[in-house]
Amino acid sequence: MQTLVIFDIPDDRIRNKIGVACKDYGLERIQYSAFLGEINHNRRDELRQRLRRTLGQKAGNIQIYPLCEKDVRLKIEIINHKGDAK
């Protein structure tokens, strides 16, 4: 199942570790603090535990959303590269 992980963490070191953990589980960075990828229930639970340990008692918010393939196919992307917007 596709999994979306988004986070808002003020501490640069912790935020970077969260990103590394997401990549370690095969997720792809889709925005600065957002990762998406295919991961099964057991691996998602392992990732959740790792992210919880990594955040510890530091300030931050991590959200993990399992997404069905149908919903992922319905995504809408709006992208403007610098200088493209008129």
PDB file of N, CA and C in Angstrom:
ATOM      1  N   MET A   1       0.846  -1.175   0.000  1.00  0.00           N
ATOM      2  CA  MET A   1       0.000   0.000   0.000  1.00  0.00           C
ATOM      3  C   MET A   1       0.890   1.236   0.000  1.00  0.00           C
ATOM      4  N   GLN A   2       0.488   2.242  -0.744  1.00  0.00           N
ATOM      5  CA  GLN A   2       1.218   3.502  -0.748  1.00  0.00           C
ATOM      6  C   GLN A   2       1.102   4.160   0.625  1.00  0.00           C
ATOM      7  N   THR A   3       2.166   4.809   1.045  1.00  0.00           N
ATOM      8  CA  THR A   3       2.184   5.492   2.334  1.00  0.00           C
ATOM      9  C   THR A   3       2.756   6.880   2.142  1.00  0.00           C
ATOM     10  N   LEU A   4       2.065   7.860   2.702  1.00  0.00           N
ATOM     11  CA  LEU A   4       2.508   9.248   2.686  1.00  0.00           C
ATOM     12  C   LEU A   4       2.965   9.612   4.091  1.00  0.00           C
ATOM     13  N   VAL A   5       4.180  10.134   4.199  1.00  0.00           N
ATOM     14  CA  VAL A   5       4.702  10.611   5.477  1.00  0.00           C
ATOM     15  C   VAL A   5       4.981  12.097   5.325  1.00  0.00           C
ATOM     16  N   ILE A   6       4.368  12.896   6.185  1.00  0.00           N
ATOM     17  CA  ILE A   6       4.624  14.334   6.190  1.00  0.00           C
ATOM     18  C   ILE A   6       5.033  14.733   7.597  1.00  0.00           C
ATOM     19  N   PHE A   7       5.873  15.752   7.679  1.00  0.00           N
ATOM     20  CA  PHE A   7       6.344  16.147   9.000  1.00  0.00           C
ATOM     21  C   PHE A   7       6.702  17.619   9.044  1.00  0.00           C
ATOM     22  N   ASP A   8       6.599  18.159  10.242  1.00  0.00           N
ATOM     23  CA  ASP A   8       6.969  19.537  10.537  1.00  0.00           C
ATOM     24  C   ASP A   8       7.820  19.477  11.800  1.00  0.00           C
ATOM     25  N   ILE A   9       9.123  19.590  11.628  1.00  0.00           N
ATOM     26  CA  ILE A   9      10.062  19.441  12.733  1.00  0.00           C
ATOM     27  C   ILE A   9      11.056  20.598  12.681  1.00  0.00           C
ATOM     28  N   PRO A  10      11.096  21.434  13.718  1.00  0.00           N
ATOM     29  CA  PRO A  10      11.974  22.604  13.688  1.00  0.00           C
ATOM     30  C   PRO A  10      13.470  22.284  13.801  1.00  0.00           C
ATOM     31  N   ASP A  11      13.840  21.194  14.439  1.00  0.00           N
ATOM     32  CA  ASP A  11      15.247  20.845  14.646  1.00  0.00           C
ATOM     33  C   ASP A  11      15.826  20.228  13.371  1.00  0.00           C
ATOM     34  N   ASP A  12      16.808  20.907  12.759  1.00  0.00           N
ATOM     35  CA  ASP A  12      17.389  20.447  11.491  1.00  0.00           C
ATOM     36  C   ASP A  12      17.943  19.028  11.582  1.00  0.00           C
ATOM     37  N   ARG A  13      18.643  18.718  12.648  1.00  0.00           N
ATOM     38  CA  ARG A  13      19.267  17.403  12.799  1.00  0.00           C
ATOM     39  C   ARG A  13      18.208  16.304  12.846  1.00  0.00           C
ATOM     40  N   ILE A  14      17.159  16.521  13.633  1.00  0.00           N
ATOM     41  CA  ILE A  14      16.082  15.529  13.741  1.00  0.00           C
ATOM     42  C   ILE A  14      15.342  15.420  12.409  1.00  0.00           C
ATOM     43  N   ARG A  15      15.064  16.561  11.782  1.00  0.00           N
ATOM     44  CA  ARG A  15      14.356  16.558  10.496  1.00  0.00           C
ATOM     45  C   ARG A  15      15.146  15.759   9.453  1.00  0.00           C
ATOM     46  N   ASN A  16      16.461  15.938   9.430  1.00  0.00           N
ATOM     47  CA  ASN A  16      17.295  15.186   8.486  1.00  0.00           C
ATOM     48  C   ASN A  16      17.262  13.692   8.782  1.00  0.00           C
ATOM     49  N   LYS A  17      17.289  13.319  10.054  1.00  0.00           N
ATOM     50  CA  LYS A  17      17.225  11.903  10.431  1.00  0.00           C
ATOM     51  C   LYS A  17      15.891  11.283  10.024  1.00  0.00           C
ATOM     52  N   ILE A  18      14.814  12.054  10.131  1.00  0.00           N
ATOM     53  CA  ILE A  18      13.496  11.566   9.709  1.00  0.00           C
ATOM     54  C   ILE A  18      13.515  11.298   8.203  1.00  0.00           C
ATOM     55  N   GLY A  19      14.108  12.218   7.444  1.00  0.00           N
ATOM     56  CA  GLY A  19      14.221  12.029   5.999  1.00  0.00           C
ATOM     57  C   GLY A  19      15.029  10.794   5.640  1.00  0.00           C
ATOM     58  N   VAL A  20      16.130  10.583   6.338  1.00  0.00           N
ATOM     59  CA  VAL A  20      16.964   9.401   6.096  1.00  0.00           C
ATOM     60  C   VAL A  20      16.177   8.126   6.395  1.00  0.00           C
ATOM     61  N   ALA A  21      15.429   8.122   7.487  1.00  0.00           N
ATOM     62  CA  ALA A  21      14.625   6.945   7.843  1.00  0.00           C
ATOM     63  C   ALA A  21      13.607   6.646   6.747  1.00  0.00           C
ATOM     64  N   CYS A  22      12.938   7.671   6.249  1.00  0.00           N
ATOM     65  CA  CYS A  22      11.953   7.465   5.178  1.00  0.00           C
ATOM     66  C   CYS A  22      12.622   6.863   3.946  1.00  0.00           C
ATOM     67  N   LYS A  23      13.782   7.383   3.582  1.00  0.00           N
ATOM     68  CA  LYS A  23      14.514   6.838   2.430  1.00  0.00           C
ATOM     69  C   LYS A  23      14.942   5.399   2.686  1.00  0.00           C
ATOM     70  N   ASP A  24      15.359   5.106   3.921  1.00  0.00           N
ATOM     71  CA  ASP A  24      15.761   3.737   4.271  1.00  0.00           C
ATOM     72  C   ASP A  24      14.620   2.741   4.061  1.00  0.00           C
ATOM     73  N   TYR A  25      13.392   3.210   4.172  1.00  0.00           N
ATOM     74  CA  TYR A  25      12.227   2.340   3.985  1.00  0.00           C
ATOM     75  C   TYR A  25      11.690   2.401   2.552  1.00  0.00           C
ATOM     76  N   GLY A  26      12.467   3.009   1.663  1.00  0.00           N
ATOM     77  CA  GLY A  26      12.116   3.002   0.251  1.00  0.00           C
ATOM     78  C   GLY A  26      11.160   4.095  -0.179  1.00  0.00           C
ATOM     79  N   LEU A  27      10.898   5.054   0.697  1.00  0.00           N
ATOM     80  CA  LEU A  27      10.005   6.145   0.327  1.00  0.00           C
ATOM     81  C   LEU A  27      10.782   7.194  -0.465  1.00  0.00           C
ATOM     82  N   GLU A  28      10.085   7.879  -1.355  1.00  0.00           N
ATOM     83  CA  GLU A  28      10.683   8.899  -2.211  1.00  0.00           C
ATOM     84  C   GLU A  28      10.254  10.278  -1.728  1.00  0.00           C
ATOM     85  N   ARG A  29      11.226  11.190  -1.671  1.00  0.00           N
ATOM     86  CA  ARG A  29      10.902  12.561  -1.268  1.00  0.00           C
ATOM     87  C   ARG A  29      10.066  13.209  -2.374  1.00  0.00           C
ATOM     88  N   ILE A  30       8.873  13.713  -2.012  1.00  0.00           N
ATOM     89  CA  ILE A  30       8.032  14.397  -2.993  1.00  0.00           C
ATOM     90  C   ILE A  30       7.967  15.890  -2.712  1.00  0.00           C
ATOM     91  N   GLN A  31       8.293  16.283  -1.505  1.00  0.00           N
ATOM     92  CA  GLN A  31       8.465  17.678  -1.127  1.00  0.00           C
ATOM     93  C   GLN A  31       9.487  17.698  -0.006  1.00  0.00           C
ATOM     94  N   TYR A  32       9.874  18.886   0.447  1.00  0.00           N
ATOM     95  CA  TYR A  32      10.945  18.978   1.431  1.00  0.00           C
ATOM     96  C   TYR A  32      10.668  18.111   2.658  1.00  0.00           C
ATOM     97  N   SER A  33       9.459  18.127   3.154  1.00  0.00           N
ATOM     98  CA  SER A  33       9.111  17.349   4.356  1.00  0.00           C
ATOM     99  C   SER A  33       7.975  16.376   4.082  1.00  0.00           C
ATOM    100  N   ALA A  34       8.011  15.746   2.906  1.00  0.00           N
ATOM    101  CA  ALA A  34       6.972  14.781   2.535  1.00  0.00           C
ATOM    102  C   ALA A  34       7.591  13.653   1.716  1.00  0.00           C
ATOM    103  N   PHE A  35       7.231  12.429   2.071  1.00  0.00           N
ATOM    104  CA  PHE A  35       7.733  11.240   1.394  1.00  0.00           C
ATOM    105  C   PHE A  35       6.560  10.345   1.036  1.00  0.00           C
ATOM    106  N   LEU A  36       6.691   9.639  -0.105  1.00  0.00           N
ATOM    107  CA  LEU A  36       5.637   8.751  -0.577  1.00  0.00           C
ATOM    108  C   LEU A  36       6.275   7.488  -1.140  1.00  0.00           C
ATOM    109  N   GLY A  37       5.638   6.356  -0.894  1.00  0.00           N
ATOM    110  CA  GLY A  37       6.143   5.120  -1.476  1.00  0.00           C
ATOM    111  C   GLY A  37       5.346   3.911  -1.044  1.00  0.00           C
ATOM    112  N   GLU A  38       5.675   2.797  -1.678  1.00  0.00           N
ATOM    113  CA  GLU A  38       5.012   1.518  -1.412  1.00  0.00           C
ATOM    114  C   GLU A  38       5.666   0.875  -0.195  1.00  0.00           C
ATOM    115  N   ILE A  39       4.840   0.537   0.787  1.00  0.00           N
ATOM    116  CA  ILE A  39       5.355  -0.095   2.004  1.00  0.00           C
ATOM    117  C   ILE A  39       4.218  -0.912   2.617  1.00  0.00           C
ATOM    118  N   ASN A  40       4.519  -2.126   3.059  1.00  0.00           N
ATOM    119  CA  ASN A  40       3.453  -2.955   3.626  1.00  0.00           C
ATOM    120  C   ASN A  40       3.176  -2.572   5.084  1.00  0.00           C
ATOM    121  N   HIS A  41       2.128  -3.149   5.632  1.00  0.00           N
ATOM    122  CA  HIS A  41       1.681  -2.796   6.984  1.00  0.00           C
ATOM    123  C   HIS A  41       2.778  -2.996   8.027  1.00  0.00           C
ATOM    124  N   ASN A  42       3.465  -4.133   7.978  1.00  0.00           N
ATOM    125  CA  ASN A  42       4.507  -4.411   8.971  1.00  0.00           C
ATOM    126  C   ASN A  42       5.656  -3.418   8.879  1.00  0.00           C
ATOM    127  N   ARG A  43       6.093  -3.130   7.658  1.00  0.00           N
ATOM    128  CA  ARG A  43       7.190  -2.164   7.477  1.00  0.00           C
ATOM    129  C   ARG A  43       6.737  -0.762   7.875  1.00  0.00           C
ATOM    130  N   ARG A  44       5.480  -0.432   7.603  1.00  0.00           N
ATOM    131  CA  ARG A  44       4.958   0.881   7.999  1.00  0.00           C
ATOM    132  C   ARG A  44       4.987   1.010   9.518  1.00  0.00           C
ATOM    133  N   ASP A  45       4.640  -0.065  10.219  1.00  0.00           N
ATOM    134  CA  ASP A  45       4.671  -0.036  11.678  1.00  0.00           C
ATOM    135  C   ASP A  45       6.108   0.093  12.190  1.00  0.00           C
ATOM    136  N   GLU A  46       7.049  -0.608  11.549  1.00  0.00           N
ATOM    137  CA  GLU A  46       8.465  -0.461  11.911  1.00  0.00           C
ATOM    138  C   GLU A  46       8.922   0.981  11.712  1.00  0.00           C
ATOM    139  N   LEU A  47       8.531   1.566  10.575  1.00  0.00           N
ATOM    140  CA  LEU A  47       8.898   2.954  10.290  1.00  0.00           C
ATOM    141  C   LEU A  47       8.300   3.881  11.336  1.00  0.00           C
ATOM    142  N   ARG A  48       7.036   3.670  11.690  1.00  0.00           N
ATOM    143  CA  ARG A  48       6.382   4.498  12.711  1.00  0.00           C
ATOM    144  C   ARG A  48       7.171   4.458  14.011  1.00  0.00           C
ATOM    145  N   GLN A  49       7.583   3.264  14.417  1.00  0.00           N
ATOM    146  CA  GLN A  49       8.351   3.131  15.654  1.00  0.00           C
ATOM    147  C   GLN A  49       9.695   3.848  15.553  1.00  0.00           C
ATOM    148  N   ARG A  50      10.349   3.702  14.407  1.00  0.00           N
ATOM    149  CA  ARG A  50      11.646   4.378  14.226  1.00  0.00           C
ATOM    150  C   ARG A  50      11.483   5.891  14.256  1.00  0.00           C
ATOM    151  N   LEU A  51      10.443   6.397  13.602  1.00  0.00           N
ATOM    152  CA  LEU A  51      10.222   7.842  13.587  1.00  0.00           C
ATOM    153  C   LEU A  51       9.901   8.352  14.984  1.00  0.00           C
ATOM    154  N   ARG A  52       9.111   7.606  15.725  1.00  0.00           N
ATOM    155  CA  ARG A  52       8.773   7.990  17.099  1.00  0.00           C
ATOM    156  C   ARG A  52      10.036   8.059  17.964  1.00  0.00           C
ATOM    157  N   ARG A  53      10.896   7.046  17.832  1.00  0.00           N
ATOM    158  CA  ARG A  53      12.161   7.038  18.597  1.00  0.00           C
ATOM    159  C   ARG A  53      13.054   8.203  18.183  1.00  0.00           C
ATOM    160  N   THR A  54      13.119   8.475  16.888  1.00  0.00           N
ATOM    161  CA  THR A  54      13.972   9.544  16.378  1.00  0.00           C
ATOM    162  C   THR A  54      13.499  10.900  16.880  1.00  0.00           C
ATOM    163  N   LEU A  55      12.202  11.128  16.863  1.00  0.00           N
ATOM    164  CA  LEU A  55      11.665  12.403  17.345  1.00  0.00           C
ATOM    165  C   LEU A  55      11.853  12.522  18.852  1.00  0.00           C
ATOM    166  N   GLY A  56      11.682  11.420  19.559  1.00  0.00           N
ATOM    167  CA  GLY A  56      11.854  11.435  21.016  1.00  0.00           C
ATOM    168  C   GLY A  56      10.947  12.466  21.666  1.00  0.00           C
ATOM    169  N   GLN A  57      11.521  13.284  22.529  1.00  0.00           N
ATOM    170  CA  GLN A  57      10.763  14.315  23.241  1.00  0.00           C
ATOM    171  C   GLN A  57      10.891  15.684  22.576  1.00  0.00           C
ATOM    172  N   LYS A  58      11.527  15.742  21.408  1.00  0.00           N
ATOM    173  CA  LYS A  58      11.703  17.012  20.693  1.00  0.00           C
ATOM    174  C   LYS A  58      10.374  17.473  20.102  1.00  0.00           C
ATOM    175  N   ALA A  59      10.279  18.774  19.870  1.00  0.00           N
ATOM    176  CA  ALA A  59       9.081  19.346  19.251  1.00  0.00           C
ATOM    177  C   ALA A  59       8.965  18.843  17.816  1.00  0.00           C
ATOM    178  N   GLY A  60       7.753  18.559  17.395  1.00  0.00           N
ATOM    179  CA  GLY A  60       7.552  18.147  16.019  1.00  0.00           C
ATOM    180  C   GLY A  60       6.239  17.422  15.821  1.00  0.00           C
ATOM    181  N   ASN A  61       5.886  17.256  14.559  1.00  0.00           N
ATOM    182  CA  ASN A  61       4.650  16.593  14.170  1.00  0.00           C
ATOM    183  C   ASN A  61       4.966  15.707  12.972  1.00  0.00           C
ATOM    184  N   ILE A  62       4.704  14.423  13.108  1.00  0.00           N
ATOM    185  CA  ILE A  62       4.890  13.471  12.012  1.00  0.00           C
ATOM    186  C   ILE A  62       3.544  12.803  11.763  1.00  0.00           C
ATOM    187  N   GLN A  63       3.115  12.793  10.499  1.00  0.00           N
ATOM    188  CA  GLN A  63       1.850  12.154  10.142  1.00  0.00           C
ATOM    189  C   GLN A  63       2.114  11.091   9.078  1.00  0.00           C
ATOM    190  N   ILE A  64       1.495   9.933   9.258  1.00  0.00           N
ATOM    191  CA  ILE A  64       1.665   8.805   8.342  1.00  0.00           C
ATOM    192  C   ILE A  64       0.285   8.410   7.824  1.00  0.00           C
ATOM    193  N   TYR A  65       0.130   8.450   6.495  1.00  0.00           N
ATOM    194  CA  TYR A  65      -1.158   8.144   5.870  1.00  0.00           C
ATOM    195  C   TYR A  65      -1.023   6.959   4.927  1.00  0.00           C
ATOM    196  N   PRO A  66      -1.684   5.839   5.203  1.00  0.00           N
ATOM    197  CA  PRO A  66      -1.767   4.773   4.205  1.00  0.00           C
ATOM    198  C   PRO A  66      -2.767   5.213   3.126  1.00  0.00           C
ATOM    199  N   LEU A  67      -2.406   5.023   1.866  1.00  0.00           N
ATOM    200  CA  LEU A  67      -3.260   5.454   0.756  1.00  0.00           C
ATOM    201  C   LEU A  67      -3.520   4.282  -0.180  1.00  0.00           C
ATOM    202  N   CYS A  68      -4.765   4.106  -0.566  1.00  0.00           N
ATOM    203  CA  CYS A  68      -5.072   3.063  -1.540  1.00  0.00           C
ATOM    204  C   CYS A  68      -4.650   3.548  -2.932  1.00  0.00           C
ATOM    205  N   GLU A  69      -4.402   2.593  -3.821  1.00  0.00           N
ATOM    206  CA  GLU A  69      -3.940   2.914  -5.176  1.00  0.00           C
ATOM    207  C   GLU A  69      -4.919   3.827  -5.911  1.00  0.00           C
ATOM    208  N   LYS A  70      -6.206   3.622  -5.694  1.00  0.00           N
ATOM    209  CA  LYS A  70      -7.222   4.447  -6.356  1.00  0.00           C
ATOM    210  C   LYS A  70      -7.035   5.912  -5.986  1.00  0.00           C
ATOM    211  N   ASP A  71      -6.846   6.181  -4.710  1.00  0.00           N
ATOM    212  CA  ASP A  71      -6.665   7.565  -4.272  1.00  0.00           C
ATOM    213  C   ASP A  71      -5.361   8.162  -4.794  1.00  0.00           C
ATOM    214  N   VAL A  72      -4.310   7.367  -4.839  1.00  0.00           N
ATOM    215  CA  VAL A  72      -3.031   7.857  -5.354  1.00  0.00           C
ATOM    216  C   VAL A  72      -3.176   8.245  -6.822  1.00  0.00           C
ATOM    217  N   ARG A  73      -3.919   7.455  -7.600  1.00  0.00           N
ATOM    218  CA  ARG A  73      -4.127   7.767  -9.019  1.00  0.00           C
ATOM    219  C   ARG A  73      -4.921   9.053  -9.216  1.00  0.00           C
ATOM    220  N   LEU A  74      -5.697   9.454  -8.220  1.00  0.00           N
ATOM    221  CA  LEU A  74      -6.513  10.666  -8.327  1.00  0.00           C
ATOM    222  C   LEU A  74      -5.759  11.932  -7.934  1.00  0.00           C
ATOM    223  N   LYS A  75      -4.493  11.800  -7.590  1.00  0.00           N
ATOM    224  CA  LYS A  75      -3.733  12.971  -7.141  1.00  0.00           C
ATOM    225  C   LYS A  75      -3.670  14.023  -8.241  1.00  0.00           C
ATOM    226  N   ILE A  76      -3.596  15.246  -7.822  1.00  0.00           N
ATOM    227  CA  ILE A  76      -3.448  16.388  -8.723  1.00  0.00           C
ATOM    228  C   ILE A  76      -2.172  17.105  -8.313  1.00  0.00           C
ATOM    229  N   GLU A  77      -1.301  17.344  -9.266  1.00  0.00           N
ATOM    230  CA  GLU A  77      -0.049  18.045  -9.002  1.00  0.00           C
ATOM    231  C   GLU A  77      -0.070  19.374  -9.724  1.00  0.00           C
ATOM    232  N   ILE A  78       0.283  20.427  -9.028  1.00  0.00           N
ATOM    233  CA  ILE A  78       0.436  21.749  -9.627  1.00  0.00           C
ATOM    234  C   ILE A  78       1.877  22.160  -9.371  1.00  0.00           C
ATOM    235  N   ILE A  79       2.646  22.292 -10.442  1.00  0.00           N
ATOM    236  CA  ILE A  79       4.070  22.582 -10.299  1.00  0.00           C
ATOM    237  C   ILE A  79       4.409  23.826 -11.109  1.00  0.00           C
ATOM    238  N   ASN A  80       5.056  24.765 -10.475  1.00  0.00           N
ATOM    239  CA  ASN A  80       5.624  25.924 -11.149  1.00  0.00           C
ATOM    240  C   ASN A  80       7.103  25.953 -10.827  1.00  0.00           C
ATOM    241  N   HIS A  81       7.919  25.909 -11.844  1.00  0.00           N
ATOM    242  CA  HIS A  81       9.352  26.065 -11.633  1.00  0.00           C
ATOM    243  C   HIS A  81       9.655  27.551 -11.689  1.00  0.00           C
ATOM    244  N   LYS A  82      10.646  27.968 -10.985  1.00  0.00           N
ATOM    245  CA  LYS A  82      10.998  29.389 -10.918  1.00  0.00           C
ATOM    246  C   LYS A  82      11.054  29.973 -12.326  1.00  0.00           C
ATOM    247  N   GLY A  83      10.322  31.050 -12.527  1.00  0.00           N
ATOM    248  CA  GLY A  83      10.317  31.715 -13.816  1.00  0.00           C
ATOM    249  C   GLY A  83       9.262  31.207 -14.777  1.00  0.00           C
ATOM    250  N   ASP A  84       8.609  30.080 -14.472  1.00  0.00           N
ATOM    251  CA  ASP A  84       7.582  29.540 -15.365  1.00  0.00           C
ATOM    252  C   ASP A  84       6.258  30.279 -15.236  1.00  0.00           C
ATOM    253  N   ALA A  85       5.940  30.741 -14.034  1.00  0.00           N
ATOM    254  CA  ALA A  85       4.655  31.407 -13.817  1.00  0.00           C
ATOM    255  C   ALA A  85       4.705  32.804 -14.420  1.00  0.00           C
ATOM    256  N   LYS A  86       3.658  33.170 -15.080  1.00  0.00           N
ATOM    257  CA  LYS A  86       3.575  34.511 -15.698  1.00  0.00           C
ATOM    258  C   LYS A  86       2.571  35.349 -14.955  1.00  0.00           C
TER     259      LYS A  86
END
